[in-house]
Amino acid sequence: MADIAIFDDEAFSVSSLTAAINEQQYLPGRLSSLGLFREEGITTLTVQIEKDGDTLALVPAGERGTSGLVVGASKRTLIPFNTVHLPERFTIKADEIQGIRAFGTRSELQAVQDVVNARLLKARRQLDVTHEFQRAGALNGQILDADGTTVLLDLYERFGVERQKMSMGLNIADTDFRVKCGEALDMQEDALGSVTSTGARAFCGKNFWNKMMGLKAIKETYVNSAQAAALRGDARESFEFGGIVWERYRGKIASVAFVHDDKALLVPEGVPDLYISAFAPADYMETVNTQGIPYYSKIEPMPFNKGMAGEAQSNPLHICTRPRAQILLEL
């Protein structure tokens, strides 16, 4: 029969538990499944983002033999961003493993591992939801804490730029919505400068989406077309109009919506290094100066050997490197 000494096994070391939590089944959020964010591990707790203050200029034609365009030094600045520490605690009481014994082909060790993995899975899912929440914050330009009000990082303030907003005229009867889409894309293209994108996607709040779905222009576009099913099916699915993929985004944590009900968030797709998820190493002696990975876990004995205290943690930084390219669309 299993006892508390079973946790001395190598299967419950930092490396083994960290591997176990990273191998847990992953249920991606919408932003994660889109692949907007490039994930990378870092060995430090800080990420340096280089901001180039100049725009690229075209080279004018000149006579052969004469001097060419003088290229001045670029106004580059390094902006530091700290990763966020997300610890999650759990306990495994001695009573929980008291009746565990070897059964059939499963050993006592495997049975105890199942108990630990169940805790790791719950911790992993809570961390996954937090990552989705912070990625949505990166798209909004403000990364919030779990209470939905405390600002951990304001990207617009750190980069020294203002958020771009645009009214789509959904409350005006004769608005040409296709023209408005083109204007929004032009605004986004200007913000990206010389960098090209492969497309644009708009995450819509509930009221914005309902207003848009009632537009005559959208209904007429899909009538008698192969994509008419987009309007016949679930009215919350995505569809393309005006060069933008429109999508109803339904994420919410603790009554805090990822996208405001009356707004939509227009973001570019296919831009290299626009969205980055950097992961720093855990604050354990075993992980110092190592390449960071998304999740870590460790357990240690509770006082009086009443069980094991465990922790799962992640140390991410979800960031948009060109926040002005994210356009807030309003009614």
C-alpha atoms as a PDB file:
ATOM      1  CA  MET A   1       0.000   0.000   0.000  1.00  0.00           C
ATOM      2  CA  ALA A   2       1.250   3.481  -0.906  1.00  0.00           C
ATOM      3  CA  ASP A   3       2.677   5.791   1.751  1.00  0.00           C
ATOM      4  CA  ILE A   4       4.073   9.335   1.745  1.00  0.00           C
ATOM      5  CA  ALA A   5       7.592   8.065   0.977  1.00  0.00           C
ATOM      6  CA  ILE A   6       6.483   7.227  -2.559  1.00  0.00           C
ATOM      7  CA  PHE A   7       6.884  10.922  -3.435  1.00  0.00           C
ATOM      8  CA  ASP A   8      10.659  10.499  -3.071  1.00  0.00           C
ATOM      9  CA  ASP A   9      10.578   8.655  -6.397  1.00  0.00           C
ATOM     10  CA  GLU A  10      12.223  10.316  -9.430  1.00  0.00           C
ATOM     11  CA  ALA A  11       8.762  10.415 -11.044  1.00  0.00           C
ATOM     12  CA  PHE A  12       7.922  13.368  -8.770  1.00  0.00           C
ATOM     13  CA  SER A  13      11.067  15.436  -9.356  1.00  0.00           C
ATOM     14  CA  VAL A  14      10.871  18.950 -10.834  1.00  0.00           C
ATOM     15  CA  SER A  15      11.912  17.731 -14.277  1.00  0.00           C
ATOM     16  CA  SER A  16       9.388  14.876 -14.283  1.00  0.00           C
ATOM     17  CA  LEU A  17       6.476  16.973 -13.001  1.00  0.00           C
ATOM     18  CA  THR A  18       7.333  19.804 -15.397  1.00  0.00           C
ATOM     19  CA  ALA A  19       7.340  17.333 -18.292  1.00  0.00           C
ATOM     20  CA  ALA A  20       4.024  15.923 -17.050  1.00  0.00           C
ATOM     21  CA  ILE A  21       2.223  19.286 -16.913  1.00  0.00           C
ATOM     22  CA  ASN A  22       3.526  20.270 -20.348  1.00  0.00           C
ATOM     23  CA  GLU A  23       2.239  16.971 -21.751  1.00  0.00           C
ATOM     24  CA  GLN A  24      -1.282  17.391 -20.328  1.00  0.00           C
ATOM     25  CA  GLN A  25      -4.075  17.539 -22.899  1.00  0.00           C
ATOM     26  CA  TYR A  26      -4.287  21.055 -24.280  1.00  0.00           C
ATOM     27  CA  LEU A  27      -7.656  22.650 -24.979  1.00  0.00           C
ATOM     28  CA  PRO A  28      -6.684  25.771 -26.942  1.00  0.00           C
ATOM     29  CA  GLY A  29      -8.583  29.025 -26.647  1.00  0.00           C
ATOM     30  CA  ARG A  30      -9.632  30.804 -29.806  1.00  0.00           C
ATOM     31  CA  LEU A  31      -6.597  33.091 -29.928  1.00  0.00           C
ATOM     32  CA  SER A  32      -4.217  30.189 -29.299  1.00  0.00           C
ATOM     33  CA  SER A  33      -5.808  28.042 -32.007  1.00  0.00           C
ATOM     34  CA  LEU A  34      -5.458  30.848 -34.577  1.00  0.00           C
ATOM     35  CA  GLY A  35      -1.678  30.765 -34.148  1.00  0.00           C
ATOM     36  CA  LEU A  36      -1.331  34.549 -33.992  1.00  0.00           C
ATOM     37  CA  PHE A  37       1.303  34.374 -31.245  1.00  0.00           C
ATOM     38  CA  ARG A  38       4.793  33.013 -31.831  1.00  0.00           C
ATOM     39  CA  GLU A  39       5.979  31.167 -28.723  1.00  0.00           C
ATOM     40  CA  GLU A  40       9.599  31.249 -27.594  1.00  0.00           C
ATOM     41  CA  GLY A  41      11.548  30.461 -24.430  1.00  0.00           C
ATOM     42  CA  ILE A  42      13.908  32.993 -22.867  1.00  0.00           C
ATOM     43  CA  THR A  43      16.602  32.609 -20.189  1.00  0.00           C
ATOM     44  CA  THR A  44      15.937  35.987 -18.503  1.00  0.00           C
ATOM     45  CA  LEU A  45      12.923  37.588 -16.810  1.00  0.00           C
ATOM     46  CA  THR A  46      12.865  40.563 -19.179  1.00  0.00           C
ATOM     47  CA  VAL A  47      12.206  40.922 -22.909  1.00  0.00           C
ATOM     48  CA  GLN A  48      13.756  43.845 -24.806  1.00  0.00           C
ATOM     49  CA  ILE A  49      11.689  45.159 -27.736  1.00  0.00           C
ATOM     50  CA  GLU A  50      13.413  47.434 -30.222  1.00  0.00           C
ATOM     51  CA  LYS A  51      11.375  50.434 -31.373  1.00  0.00           C
ATOM     52  CA  ASP A  52      12.465  52.114 -34.602  1.00  0.00           C
ATOM     53  CA  GLY A  53      11.360  55.736 -34.641  1.00  0.00           C
ATOM     54  CA  ASP A  54      11.872  56.229 -38.384  1.00  0.00           C
ATOM     55  CA  THR A  55       9.871  55.041 -41.377  1.00  0.00           C
ATOM     56  CA  LEU A  56      11.441  53.663 -44.552  1.00  0.00           C
ATOM     57  CA  ALA A  57      11.817  56.167 -47.388  1.00  0.00           C
ATOM     58  CA  LEU A  58      11.913  55.591 -51.156  1.00  0.00           C
ATOM     59  CA  VAL A  59      15.247  56.297 -52.840  1.00  0.00           C
ATOM     60  CA  PRO A  60      14.962  59.119 -55.452  1.00  0.00           C
ATOM     61  CA  ALA A  61      16.542  58.757 -58.902  1.00  0.00           C
ATOM     62  CA  GLY A  62      19.810  60.627 -59.457  1.00  0.00           C
ATOM     63  CA  GLU A  63      22.432  61.206 -62.130  1.00  0.00           C
ATOM     64  CA  ARG A  64      25.185  58.631 -62.464  1.00  0.00           C
ATOM     65  CA  GLY A  65      28.405  59.802 -60.831  1.00  0.00           C
ATOM     66  CA  THR A  66      26.701  62.077 -58.328  1.00  0.00           C
ATOM     67  CA  SER A  67      26.218  61.445 -54.621  1.00  0.00           C
ATOM     68  CA  GLY A  68      23.217  59.434 -53.526  1.00  0.00           C
ATOM     69  CA  LEU A  69      20.680  59.704 -50.744  1.00  0.00           C
ATOM     70  CA  VAL A  70      22.278  60.066 -47.302  1.00  0.00           C
ATOM     71  CA  VAL A  71      20.879  57.535 -44.849  1.00  0.00           C
ATOM     72  CA  GLY A  72      20.930  58.954 -41.324  1.00  0.00           C
ATOM     73  CA  ALA A  73      21.211  56.997 -38.110  1.00  0.00           C
ATOM     74  CA  SER A  74      17.947  55.429 -37.053  1.00  0.00           C
ATOM     75  CA  LYS A  75      16.328  56.545 -33.794  1.00  0.00           C
ATOM     76  CA  ARG A  76      16.228  53.113 -32.203  1.00  0.00           C
ATOM     77  CA  THR A  77      15.278  52.614 -28.571  1.00  0.00           C
ATOM     78  CA  LEU A  78      15.097  49.466 -26.462  1.00  0.00           C
ATOM     79  CA  ILE A  79      11.991  49.072 -24.315  1.00  0.00           C
ATOM     80  CA  PRO A  80      12.152  46.446 -21.514  1.00  0.00           C
ATOM     81  CA  PHE A  81       9.101  44.332 -20.641  1.00  0.00           C
ATOM     82  CA  ASN A  82       8.946  42.110 -17.569  1.00  0.00           C
ATOM     83  CA  THR A  83       7.393  38.665 -17.712  1.00  0.00           C
ATOM     84  CA  VAL A  84       4.384  37.948 -15.473  1.00  0.00           C
ATOM     85  CA  HIS A  85       4.672  35.363 -12.680  1.00  0.00           C
ATOM     86  CA  LEU A  86       1.585  33.099 -12.471  1.00  0.00           C
ATOM     87  CA  PRO A  87       1.819  30.623  -9.545  1.00  0.00           C
ATOM     88  CA  GLU A  88      -0.931  28.070  -8.852  1.00  0.00           C
ATOM     89  CA  ARG A  89      -0.916  26.061  -5.587  1.00  0.00           C
ATOM     90  CA  PHE A  90      -2.460  22.665  -4.824  1.00  0.00           C
ATOM     91  CA  THR A  91      -2.197  20.053  -2.067  1.00  0.00           C
ATOM     92  CA  ILE A  92      -2.336  16.272  -1.956  1.00  0.00           C
ATOM     93  CA  LYS A  93      -3.297  15.172   1.539  1.00  0.00           C
ATOM     94  CA  ALA A  94      -1.960  11.940   3.046  1.00  0.00           C
ATOM     95  CA  ASP A  95      -5.553  10.666   3.297  1.00  0.00           C
ATOM     96  CA  GLU A  96      -5.874  10.814  -0.502  1.00  0.00           C
ATOM     97  CA  ILE A  97      -3.214   8.138  -1.025  1.00  0.00           C
ATOM     98  CA  GLN A  98      -4.025   6.165   2.105  1.00  0.00           C
ATOM     99  CA  GLY A  99      -6.098   3.483   0.364  1.00  0.00           C
ATOM    100  CA  ILE A 100      -4.108   3.345  -2.894  1.00  0.00           C
ATOM    101  CA  ARG A 101      -2.650  -0.072  -3.633  1.00  0.00           C
ATOM    102  CA  ALA A 102      -1.336  -1.949  -6.656  1.00  0.00           C
ATOM    103  CA  PHE A 103      -4.174  -3.353  -8.771  1.00  0.00           C
ATOM    104  CA  GLY A 104      -3.885  -5.502 -11.885  1.00  0.00           C
ATOM    105  CA  THR A 105      -1.183  -4.146 -14.147  1.00  0.00           C
ATOM    106  CA  ARG A 106      -1.015  -0.768 -12.350  1.00  0.00           C
ATOM    107  CA  SER A 107       1.592  -0.296  -9.652  1.00  0.00           C
ATOM    108  CA  GLU A 108       1.201   1.902  -6.571  1.00  0.00           C
ATOM    109  CA  LEU A 109       3.502   4.465  -8.195  1.00  0.00           C
ATOM    110  CA  GLN A 110       1.304   4.683 -11.306  1.00  0.00           C
ATOM    111  CA  ALA A 111      -1.824   5.045  -9.169  1.00  0.00           C
ATOM    112  CA  VAL A 112      -0.296   7.913  -7.175  1.00  0.00           C
ATOM    113  CA  GLN A 113       0.865   9.515 -10.408  1.00  0.00           C
ATOM    114  CA  ASP A 114      -2.768   9.531 -11.567  1.00  0.00           C
ATOM    115  CA  VAL A 115      -3.714  11.541  -8.456  1.00  0.00           C
ATOM    116  CA  VAL A 116      -0.918  14.053  -9.119  1.00  0.00           C
ATOM    117  CA  ASN A 117      -1.746  14.293 -12.836  1.00  0.00           C
ATOM    118  CA  ALA A 118      -5.373  15.112 -12.010  1.00  0.00           C
ATOM    119  CA  ARG A 119      -4.132  18.099  -9.963  1.00  0.00           C
ATOM    120  CA  LEU A 120      -1.707  19.123 -12.710  1.00  0.00           C
ATOM    121  CA  LEU A 121      -4.466  18.976 -15.331  1.00  0.00           C
ATOM    122  CA  LYS A 122      -6.693  21.310 -13.316  1.00  0.00           C
ATOM    123  CA  ALA A 123      -3.806  23.733 -12.718  1.00  0.00           C
ATOM    124  CA  ARG A 124      -2.820  23.579 -16.398  1.00  0.00           C
ATOM    125  CA  ARG A 125      -6.342  24.445 -17.544  1.00  0.00           C
ATOM    126  CA  GLN A 126      -6.510  27.448 -15.230  1.00  0.00           C
ATOM    127  CA  LEU A 127      -3.154  28.645 -16.543  1.00  0.00           C
ATOM    128  CA  ASP A 128      -4.352  28.110 -20.138  1.00  0.00           C
ATOM    129  CA  VAL A 129      -7.395  30.304 -19.497  1.00  0.00           C
ATOM    130  CA  THR A 130      -5.102  32.957 -18.006  1.00  0.00           C
ATOM    131  CA  HIS A 131      -2.866  32.826 -21.087  1.00  0.00           C
ATOM    132  CA  GLU A 132      -5.916  33.324 -23.322  1.00  0.00           C
ATOM    133  CA  PHE A 133      -7.037  36.246 -21.149  1.00  0.00           C
ATOM    134  CA  GLN A 134      -3.613  37.901 -21.362  1.00  0.00           C
ATOM    135  CA  ARG A 135      -3.368  37.292 -25.114  1.00  0.00           C
ATOM    136  CA  ALA A 136      -6.718  39.014 -25.503  1.00  0.00           C
ATOM    137  CA  GLY A 137      -5.221  41.800 -23.393  1.00  0.00           C
ATOM    138  CA  ALA A 138      -2.285  42.074 -25.795  1.00  0.00           C
ATOM    139  CA  LEU A 139      -4.795  42.493 -28.633  1.00  0.00           C
ATOM    140  CA  ASN A 140      -6.572  45.190 -26.610  1.00  0.00           C
ATOM    141  CA  GLY A 141      -3.300  46.897 -25.679  1.00  0.00           C
ATOM    142  CA  GLN A 142      -3.846  46.402 -21.937  1.00  0.00           C
ATOM    143  CA  ILE A 143      -2.911  43.204 -20.114  1.00  0.00           C
ATOM    144  CA  LEU A 144      -5.063  42.911 -16.995  1.00  0.00           C
ATOM    145  CA  ASP A 145      -4.720  40.861 -13.813  1.00  0.00           C
ATOM    146  CA  ALA A 146      -7.235  38.177 -12.829  1.00  0.00           C
ATOM    147  CA  ASP A 147      -9.541  40.762 -11.185  1.00  0.00           C
ATOM    148  CA  GLY A 148     -10.145  42.344 -14.602  1.00  0.00           C
ATOM    149  CA  THR A 149      -9.259  45.867 -13.400  1.00  0.00           C
ATOM    150  CA  THR A 150      -5.578  45.914 -12.320  1.00  0.00           C
ATOM    151  CA  VAL A 151      -3.413  46.824 -15.335  1.00  0.00           C
ATOM    152  CA  LEU A 152      -0.250  44.718 -15.510  1.00  0.00           C
ATOM    153  CA  LEU A 153       0.992  46.253 -18.753  1.00  0.00           C
ATOM    154  CA  ASP A 154      -0.272  49.102 -20.951  1.00  0.00           C
ATOM    155  CA  LEU A 155       1.318  48.628 -24.372  1.00  0.00           C
ATOM    156  CA  TYR A 156       0.255  52.019 -25.721  1.00  0.00           C
ATOM    157  CA  GLU A 157       1.801  53.813 -22.756  1.00  0.00           C
ATOM    158  CA  ARG A 158       5.044  51.811 -22.956  1.00  0.00           C
ATOM    159  CA  PHE A 159       5.433  52.343 -26.707  1.00  0.00           C
ATOM    160  CA  GLY A 160       4.377  55.999 -26.413  1.00  0.00           C
ATOM    161  CA  VAL A 161       1.612  55.769 -29.033  1.00  0.00           C
ATOM    162  CA  GLU A 162      -2.144  56.356 -29.061  1.00  0.00           C
ATOM    163  CA  ARG A 163      -4.765  53.740 -29.791  1.00  0.00           C
ATOM    164  CA  GLN A 164      -6.382  54.005 -33.198  1.00  0.00           C
ATOM    165  CA  LYS A 165     -10.189  54.034 -33.232  1.00  0.00           C
ATOM    166  CA  MET A 166     -12.761  54.197 -35.998  1.00  0.00           C
ATOM    167  CA  SER A 167     -16.554  54.370 -36.125  1.00  0.00           C
ATOM    168  CA  MET A 168     -18.120  51.916 -38.578  1.00  0.00           C
ATOM    169  CA  GLY A 169     -21.398  53.868 -38.759  1.00  0.00           C
ATOM    170  CA  LEU A 170     -23.612  50.916 -37.841  1.00  0.00           C
ATOM    171  CA  ASN A 171     -26.147  53.282 -36.239  1.00  0.00           C
ATOM    172  CA  ILE A 172     -26.483  55.294 -39.466  1.00  0.00           C
ATOM    173  CA  ALA A 173     -29.049  53.946 -41.941  1.00  0.00           C
ATOM    174  CA  ASP A 174     -27.302  54.711 -45.253  1.00  0.00           C
ATOM    175  CA  THR A 175     -23.717  53.779 -44.250  1.00  0.00           C
ATOM    176  CA  ASP A 176     -21.713  52.006 -46.967  1.00  0.00           C
ATOM    177  CA  PHE A 177     -20.214  49.273 -44.797  1.00  0.00           C
ATOM    178  CA  ARG A 178     -17.878  47.989 -47.523  1.00  0.00           C
ATOM    179  CA  VAL A 179     -16.301  51.447 -47.845  1.00  0.00           C
ATOM    180  CA  LYS A 180     -15.898  51.591 -44.062  1.00  0.00           C
ATOM    181  CA  CYS A 181     -14.101  48.229 -44.180  1.00  0.00           C
ATOM    182  CA  GLY A 182     -11.690  49.625 -46.767  1.00  0.00           C
ATOM    183  CA  GLU A 183     -10.995  52.697 -44.623  1.00  0.00           C
ATOM    184  CA  ALA A 184     -10.255  50.501 -41.602  1.00  0.00           C
ATOM    185  CA  LEU A 185      -7.853  48.362 -43.643  1.00  0.00           C
ATOM    186  CA  ASP A 186      -6.113  51.514 -44.949  1.00  0.00           C
ATOM    187  CA  MET A 187      -5.666  52.727 -41.368  1.00  0.00           C
ATOM    188  CA  GLN A 188      -4.168  49.384 -40.409  1.00  0.00           C
ATOM    189  CA  GLU A 189      -1.889  49.334 -43.459  1.00  0.00           C
ATOM    190  CA  ASP A 190      -0.567  52.818 -42.615  1.00  0.00           C
ATOM    191  CA  ALA A 191       0.232  51.660 -39.060  1.00  0.00           C
ATOM    192  CA  LEU A 192       2.152  48.614 -40.344  1.00  0.00           C
ATOM    193  CA  GLY A 193       4.253  50.779 -42.660  1.00  0.00           C
ATOM    194  CA  SER A 194       6.525  48.716 -44.903  1.00  0.00           C
ATOM    195  CA  VAL A 195       5.465  45.420 -43.291  1.00  0.00           C
ATOM    196  CA  THR A 196       2.848  43.460 -45.208  1.00  0.00           C
ATOM    197  CA  SER A 197       0.114  41.229 -43.819  1.00  0.00           C
ATOM    198  CA  THR A 198      -1.671  38.234 -45.325  1.00  0.00           C
ATOM    199  CA  GLY A 199      -5.115  39.296 -44.118  1.00  0.00           C
ATOM    200  CA  ALA A 200      -7.167  40.932 -41.383  1.00  0.00           C
ATOM    201  CA  ARG A 201      -9.524  39.545 -38.760  1.00  0.00           C
ATOM    202  CA  ALA A 202     -12.048  41.363 -36.586  1.00  0.00           C
ATOM    203  CA  PHE A 203     -13.152  39.972 -33.214  1.00  0.00           C
ATOM    204  CA  CYS A 204     -16.629  41.338 -32.545  1.00  0.00           C
ATOM    205  CA  GLY A 205     -18.541  41.957 -29.343  1.00  0.00           C
ATOM    206  CA  LYS A 206     -22.144  40.809 -28.997  1.00  0.00           C
ATOM    207  CA  ASN A 207     -23.974  44.056 -29.834  1.00  0.00           C
ATOM    208  CA  PHE A 208     -21.545  45.019 -32.614  1.00  0.00           C
ATOM    209  CA  TRP A 209     -22.021  41.593 -34.218  1.00  0.00           C
ATOM    210  CA  ASN A 210     -25.820  41.709 -34.054  1.00  0.00           C
ATOM    211  CA  LYS A 211     -25.897  45.187 -35.603  1.00  0.00           C
ATOM    212  CA  MET A 212     -23.584  44.082 -38.397  1.00  0.00           C
ATOM    213  CA  MET A 213     -25.547  40.904 -39.150  1.00  0.00           C
ATOM    214  CA  GLY A 214     -28.643  43.021 -39.716  1.00  0.00           C
ATOM    215  CA  LEU A 215     -27.003  45.113 -42.456  1.00  0.00           C
ATOM    216  CA  LYS A 216     -28.704  44.875 -45.835  1.00  0.00           C
ATOM    217  CA  ALA A 217     -25.338  44.876 -47.637  1.00  0.00           C
ATOM    218  CA  ILE A 218     -24.183  41.730 -45.846  1.00  0.00           C
ATOM    219  CA  LYS A 219     -27.442  39.868 -46.425  1.00  0.00           C
ATOM    220  CA  GLU A 220     -27.475  40.722 -50.149  1.00  0.00           C
ATOM    221  CA  THR A 221     -23.844  39.662 -50.564  1.00  0.00           C
ATOM    222  CA  TYR A 222     -24.559  36.111 -49.438  1.00  0.00           C
ATOM    223  CA  VAL A 223     -27.995  35.569 -50.998  1.00  0.00           C
ATOM    224  CA  ASN A 224     -27.886  33.012 -53.842  1.00  0.00           C
ATOM    225  CA  SER A 225     -24.191  32.376 -53.250  1.00  0.00           C
ATOM    226  CA  ALA A 226     -22.306  29.279 -52.172  1.00  0.00           C
ATOM    227  CA  GLN A 227     -21.554  31.023 -48.868  1.00  0.00           C
ATOM    228  CA  ALA A 228     -25.211  31.665 -48.053  1.00  0.00           C
ATOM    229  CA  ALA A 229     -24.840  28.878 -45.487  1.00  0.00           C
ATOM    230  CA  ALA A 230     -22.800  31.349 -43.428  1.00  0.00           C
ATOM    231  CA  LEU A 231     -26.029  33.235 -42.755  1.00  0.00           C
ATOM    232  CA  ARG A 232     -28.325  30.221 -42.552  1.00  0.00           C
ATOM    233  CA  GLY A 233     -26.344  28.471 -39.817  1.00  0.00           C
ATOM    234  CA  ASP A 234     -25.278  29.693 -36.411  1.00  0.00           C
ATOM    235  CA  ALA A 235     -25.362  33.484 -36.542  1.00  0.00           C
ATOM    236  CA  ARG A 236     -22.177  33.600 -34.447  1.00  0.00           C
ATOM    237  CA  GLU A 237     -19.841  31.884 -36.914  1.00  0.00           C
ATOM    238  CA  SER A 238     -17.175  33.769 -38.892  1.00  0.00           C
ATOM    239  CA  PHE A 239     -17.499  35.020 -42.468  1.00  0.00           C
ATOM    240  CA  GLU A 240     -15.583  37.325 -44.814  1.00  0.00           C
ATOM    241  CA  PHE A 241     -16.800  40.719 -45.989  1.00  0.00           C
ATOM    242  CA  GLY A 242     -14.935  43.751 -47.295  1.00  0.00           C
ATOM    243  CA  GLY A 243     -11.550  42.024 -47.089  1.00  0.00           C
ATOM    244  CA  ILE A 244     -11.982  41.280 -43.371  1.00  0.00           C
ATOM    245  CA  VAL A 245     -12.811  37.978 -41.652  1.00  0.00           C
ATOM    246  CA  TRP A 246     -15.503  38.875 -39.100  1.00  0.00           C
ATOM    247  CA  GLU A 247     -15.823  36.655 -36.050  1.00  0.00           C
ATOM    248  CA  ARG A 248     -17.992  36.731 -32.933  1.00  0.00           C
ATOM    249  CA  TYR A 249     -15.614  36.330 -29.996  1.00  0.00           C
ATOM    250  CA  ARG A 250     -17.211  34.867 -26.868  1.00  0.00           C
ATOM    251  CA  GLY A 251     -14.433  34.734 -24.253  1.00  0.00           C
ATOM    252  CA  LYS A 252     -15.263  35.914 -20.736  1.00  0.00           C
ATOM    253  CA  ILE A 253     -13.644  35.489 -17.301  1.00  0.00           C
ATOM    254  CA  ALA A 254     -15.236  36.639 -14.028  1.00  0.00           C
ATOM    255  CA  SER A 255     -17.821  38.696 -15.972  1.00  0.00           C
ATOM    256  CA  VAL A 256     -15.029  40.507 -17.847  1.00  0.00           C
ATOM    257  CA  ALA A 257     -15.509  40.158 -21.620  1.00  0.00           C
ATOM    258  CA  PHE A 258     -12.372  39.869 -23.760  1.00  0.00           C
ATOM    259  CA  VAL A 259     -14.022  42.132 -26.363  1.00  0.00           C
ATOM    260  CA  HIS A 260     -16.459  44.905 -25.363  1.00  0.00           C
ATOM    261  CA  ASP A 261     -20.067  44.212 -26.401  1.00  0.00           C
ATOM    262  CA  ASP A 262     -20.328  47.401 -28.505  1.00  0.00           C
ATOM    263  CA  LYS A 263     -16.928  47.157 -30.191  1.00  0.00           C
ATOM    264  CA  ALA A 264     -14.802  45.032 -32.504  1.00  0.00           C
ATOM    265  CA  LEU A 265     -11.047  44.588 -32.627  1.00  0.00           C
ATOM    266  CA  LEU A 266      -9.379  44.549 -36.052  1.00  0.00           C
ATOM    267  CA  VAL A 267      -5.984  42.814 -36.090  1.00  0.00           C
ATOM    268  CA  PRO A 268      -3.605  41.933 -38.956  1.00  0.00           C
ATOM    269  CA  GLU A 269      -2.704  38.321 -39.728  1.00  0.00           C
ATOM    270  CA  GLY A 270       0.522  36.878 -41.096  1.00  0.00           C
ATOM    271  CA  VAL A 271       2.820  39.671 -39.857  1.00  0.00           C
ATOM    272  CA  PRO A 272       6.175  38.240 -38.653  1.00  0.00           C
ATOM    273  CA  ASP A 273       6.846  38.768 -34.922  1.00  0.00           C
ATOM    274  CA  LEU A 274       3.783  40.980 -34.486  1.00  0.00           C
ATOM    275  CA  TYR A 275       2.523  38.870 -31.575  1.00  0.00           C
ATOM    276  CA  ILE A 276       4.991  37.159 -29.258  1.00  0.00           C
ATOM    277  CA  SER A 277       4.513  34.852 -26.280  1.00  0.00           C
ATOM    278  CA  ALA A 278       7.794  34.678 -24.363  1.00  0.00           C
ATOM    279  CA  PHE A 279       8.213  32.263 -21.447  1.00  0.00           C
ATOM    280  CA  ALA A 280      10.771  32.820 -18.683  1.00  0.00           C
ATOM    281  CA  PRO A 281      12.170  30.017 -16.462  1.00  0.00           C
ATOM    282  CA  ALA A 282      10.564  29.201 -13.105  1.00  0.00           C
ATOM    283  CA  ASP A 283      11.904  30.587  -9.832  1.00  0.00           C
ATOM    284  CA  TYR A 284      13.297  27.198  -8.709  1.00  0.00           C
ATOM    285  CA  MET A 285      16.955  26.440  -8.073  1.00  0.00           C
ATOM    286  CA  GLU A 286      16.671  23.581 -10.586  1.00  0.00           C
ATOM    287  CA  THR A 287      15.630  25.929 -13.435  1.00  0.00           C
ATOM    288  CA  VAL A 288      18.019  28.854 -12.987  1.00  0.00           C
ATOM    289  CA  ASN A 289      19.663  29.978 -16.264  1.00  0.00           C
ATOM    290  CA  THR A 290      17.698  27.482 -18.354  1.00  0.00           C
ATOM    291  CA  GLN A 291      15.564  28.118 -21.430  1.00  0.00           C
ATOM    292  CA  GLY A 292      12.019  28.940 -20.357  1.00  0.00           C
ATOM    293  CA  ILE A 293       9.110  26.647 -21.219  1.00  0.00           C
ATOM    294  CA  PRO A 294       5.362  27.355 -20.880  1.00  0.00           C
ATOM    295  CA  TYR A 295       4.661  25.427 -17.641  1.00  0.00           C
ATOM    296  CA  TYR A 296       6.527  24.254 -14.531  1.00  0.00           C
ATOM    297  CA  SER A 297       5.567  22.199 -11.496  1.00  0.00           C
ATOM    298  CA  LYS A 298       7.125  21.128  -8.177  1.00  0.00           C
ATOM    299  CA  ILE A 299       5.999  19.406  -4.971  1.00  0.00           C
ATOM    300  CA  GLU A 300       7.387  19.359  -1.433  1.00  0.00           C
ATOM    301  CA  PRO A 301       6.290  17.812   1.911  1.00  0.00           C
ATOM    302  CA  MET A 302       3.734  19.650   4.032  1.00  0.00           C
ATOM    303  CA  PRO A 303       4.466  20.324   7.754  1.00  0.00           C
ATOM    304  CA  PHE A 304       4.333  17.168   9.868  1.00  0.00           C
ATOM    305  CA  ASN A 305       4.271  15.094   6.670  1.00  0.00           C
ATOM    306  CA  LYS A 306       0.499  15.539   6.336  1.00  0.00           C
ATOM    307  CA  GLY A 307       0.762  15.430   2.575  1.00  0.00           C
ATOM    308  CA  MET A 308       2.455  17.163  -0.329  1.00  0.00           C
ATOM    309  CA  ALA A 309       2.181  20.830  -1.259  1.00  0.00           C
ATOM    310  CA  GLY A 310       2.438  21.401  -4.970  1.00  0.00           C
ATOM    311  CA  GLU A 311       2.795  24.347  -7.298  1.00  0.00           C
ATOM    312  CA  ALA A 312       2.260  24.831 -10.999  1.00  0.00           C
ATOM    313  CA  GLN A 313       3.476  28.037 -12.565  1.00  0.00           C
ATOM    314  CA  SER A 314       3.985  29.883 -15.811  1.00  0.00           C
ATOM    315  CA  ASN A 315       5.998  33.036 -16.476  1.00  0.00           C
ATOM    316  CA  PRO A 316       4.699  34.517 -19.717  1.00  0.00           C
ATOM    317  CA  LEU A 317       4.853  37.784 -21.571  1.00  0.00           C
ATOM    318  CA  HIS A 318       2.186  38.111 -24.254  1.00  0.00           C
ATOM    319  CA  ILE A 319       2.842  41.218 -26.295  1.00  0.00           C
ATOM    320  CA  CYS A 320       2.001  43.007 -29.528  1.00  0.00           C
ATOM    321  CA  THR A 321       5.071  44.737 -30.979  1.00  0.00           C
ATOM    322  CA  ARG A 322       3.026  47.140 -33.187  1.00  0.00           C
ATOM    323  CA  PRO A 323      -0.018  48.129 -31.092  1.00  0.00           C
ATOM    324  CA  ARG A 324      -1.099  50.918 -33.499  1.00  0.00           C
ATOM    325  CA  ALA A 325      -1.870  48.232 -36.099  1.00  0.00           C
ATOM    326  CA  GLN A 326      -4.751  47.056 -33.892  1.00  0.00           C
ATOM    327  CA  ILE A 327      -7.795  49.156 -34.751  1.00  0.00           C
ATOM    328  CA  LEU A 328     -10.702  49.494 -32.314  1.00  0.00           C
ATOM    329  CA  LEU A 329     -13.924  49.517 -34.340  1.00  0.00           C
ATOM    330  CA  GLU A 330     -16.954  51.199 -32.767  1.00  0.00           C
ATOM    331  CA  LEU A 331     -20.648  51.313 -33.608  1.00  0.00           C
END
